[in-house]
């Protein structure tokens, strides 16, 4: 009988690991997509605020041989960076949340905020 309990505990740990991986992959994909979509807007804002004579988006695009694709130039680097950051954050968050709940606690607002803070601190390290 002890083997059955041990097997059930191992299966539960495996399920928790898969859940953490799924959440991390979802966060990673979301980070990449949001960075890829928002990168051109951030580039436009930065160029227009720089005061280098750009008054419209067409000024930014016309100064490049890439045309409108210049708005996504080097955007993939930011997308990959965001993807990795979000993967690590959500993986850490889910693992810490599972450890918190394993002790029989319910996820309160304060507990969730603390776990989010810890996850961010681990990710930033």
Foldseek 3Di string as FASTA:
>chain_A
DVVVVVVVVVVVVVVLLVVLQVQLQVQLVVQLVVLQVCQLVVVVVVVCVVPPPDDDPQVVQVVDPVGPCVSCVVSNVSSNVRSVLSSQLSSQLSVVVCVVCVVVDDCDPVNSVVSSVVSNVVSVD
